[in-house]
Protein backbone atom coordinates (compact mmCIF):
# COMPACT_ATOMS: atom_id res chain seq x y z
CA MET A 1 88.26 112.18 102.46
CA LEU A 2 86.16 109.41 104.01
CA ILE A 3 87.46 106.98 106.64
CA GLU A 4 85.49 104.02 107.98
CA LEU A 5 85.98 102.31 111.34
CA PRO A 6 84.42 99.25 113.03
CA LEU A 7 83.09 100.50 116.39
CA ASP A 8 81.46 99.16 119.54
CA CYS A 9 78.78 101.88 119.83
CA ASN A 10 77.33 104.86 118.00
CA ASP A 11 78.40 107.53 120.49
CA ALA A 12 81.24 109.61 119.04
CA GLN A 13 82.58 110.39 122.52
CA LYS A 14 82.60 106.79 123.81
CA ALA A 15 83.07 104.58 120.72
CA LYS A 16 86.08 102.28 120.63
CA LEU A 17 87.74 100.51 117.71
CA VAL A 18 86.88 96.79 117.67
CA LEU A 19 87.51 93.80 115.43
CA MET A 20 85.49 93.86 112.21
CA ASP A 21 83.47 90.77 113.20
CA GLU A 22 82.58 92.39 116.55
CA ALA A 23 81.50 95.77 115.16
CA LYS A 24 78.08 96.89 116.36
CA TYR A 25 78.35 100.00 114.19
CA TRP A 26 80.54 101.35 111.42
CA GLY A 27 81.65 104.94 111.73
CA LEU A 28 82.14 107.00 108.59
CA ILE A 29 84.34 110.02 109.24
CA THR A 30 84.59 112.96 106.90
CA PHE A 31 88.19 114.13 107.40
CA GLU A 32 89.20 117.44 105.83
CA GLU A 33 91.96 119.95 106.45
CA GLY A 34 93.45 117.82 109.22
CA GLU A 35 90.32 117.46 111.31
CA ILE A 36 87.09 115.53 111.70
CA LYS A 37 84.23 117.37 110.00
CA THR A 38 81.44 114.81 110.56
CA ILE A 39 80.92 111.30 111.91
CA ASP A 40 78.01 109.21 110.67
CA PHE A 41 77.14 105.80 112.09
CA TYR A 42 75.82 102.79 110.17
CA ASP A 43 74.47 99.47 111.44
CA THR A 44 76.46 97.55 108.83
CA ARG A 45 79.39 98.25 106.57
CA GLU A 46 77.22 97.41 103.56
CA ALA A 47 74.96 100.36 104.40
CA ILE A 48 77.77 102.79 103.50
CA ASN A 49 77.18 103.83 99.90
CA ASP A 50 79.91 106.46 99.60
CA PHE A 51 83.35 105.93 98.07
CA VAL A 52 85.58 105.33 101.10
CA ASP A 53 89.24 106.32 100.93
CA TYR A 54 90.54 104.54 104.04
CA ALA A 55 89.41 101.88 106.48
CA ILE A 56 91.11 101.58 109.84
CA VAL A 57 90.90 98.20 111.54
CA ALA A 58 91.83 96.99 115.02
CA ARG A 59 94.60 94.50 114.23
CA GLN A 60 96.66 92.75 111.58
CA GLY A 61 95.04 89.64 110.16
CA GLU A 62 91.52 91.08 109.96
CA PRO A 63 89.44 89.89 106.96
CA ILE A 64 90.26 92.94 104.83
CA TRP A 65 90.03 91.45 101.33
CA PRO A 66 86.48 92.86 100.73
CA LEU A 67 87.84 96.33 101.54
CA MET A 68 90.78 95.90 99.23
CA GLU A 69 88.48 94.70 96.43
CA GLU A 70 86.73 98.08 96.75
CA ASN A 71 90.11 99.85 96.43
CA ILE A 72 90.01 101.02 100.03
CA PHE A 73 93.42 101.55 101.59
CA VAL A 74 93.47 99.71 104.95
CA LEU A 75 95.44 100.80 108.00
CA VAL A 76 95.77 99.25 111.46
CA ALA A 77 95.31 101.05 114.78
CA ARG A 78 95.20 99.73 118.32
CA GLU A 79 92.16 97.71 119.34
CA GLY A 80 90.18 99.66 121.95
CA ALA A 81 91.41 103.07 120.80
CA ASP A 82 88.77 105.79 120.74
CA ILE A 83 87.93 107.74 117.59
CA ASP A 84 90.15 110.70 118.52
CA GLU A 85 93.14 108.40 119.15
CA VAL A 86 92.63 106.62 115.84
CA ILE A 87 92.34 109.85 113.87
CA GLU A 88 95.34 111.33 115.69
CA GLY A 89 97.38 108.29 114.59
CA PHE A 90 96.07 108.69 111.05
CA LYS A 91 96.84 112.39 110.94
CA PHE A 92 100.43 111.92 112.10
CA LYS A 93 101.01 108.83 109.91
CA GLU A 94 101.54 106.56 112.92
CA LEU A 95 99.28 103.76 111.62
CA HIS A 96 100.61 100.79 109.68
CA GLU A 97 99.36 99.31 106.43
CA ALA A 98 97.22 96.24 106.99
CA SER A 99 98.19 92.85 105.61
CA PHE A 100 96.39 89.51 105.32
């Protein structure tokens, strides 16, 4: 399963979830068997060519319609959360479905 996140940097240990318009990088996480297998970083969201299952954004009201047009299920985590916190919330179903 692939999960994309808008991030402030391309360091897996330091990256924080940011608003889509403020993303300096997009992280693409390969999530299998309840854990992160790989994290790849992209300069833009458009550079991701894989079929993404989920996108996790920083707050309700983000411009998510392009994601939804690609049949990506969008969830909301806390702005400023690190990658581990976001994935922990995803794993334990603590994230909420995004809305316009």
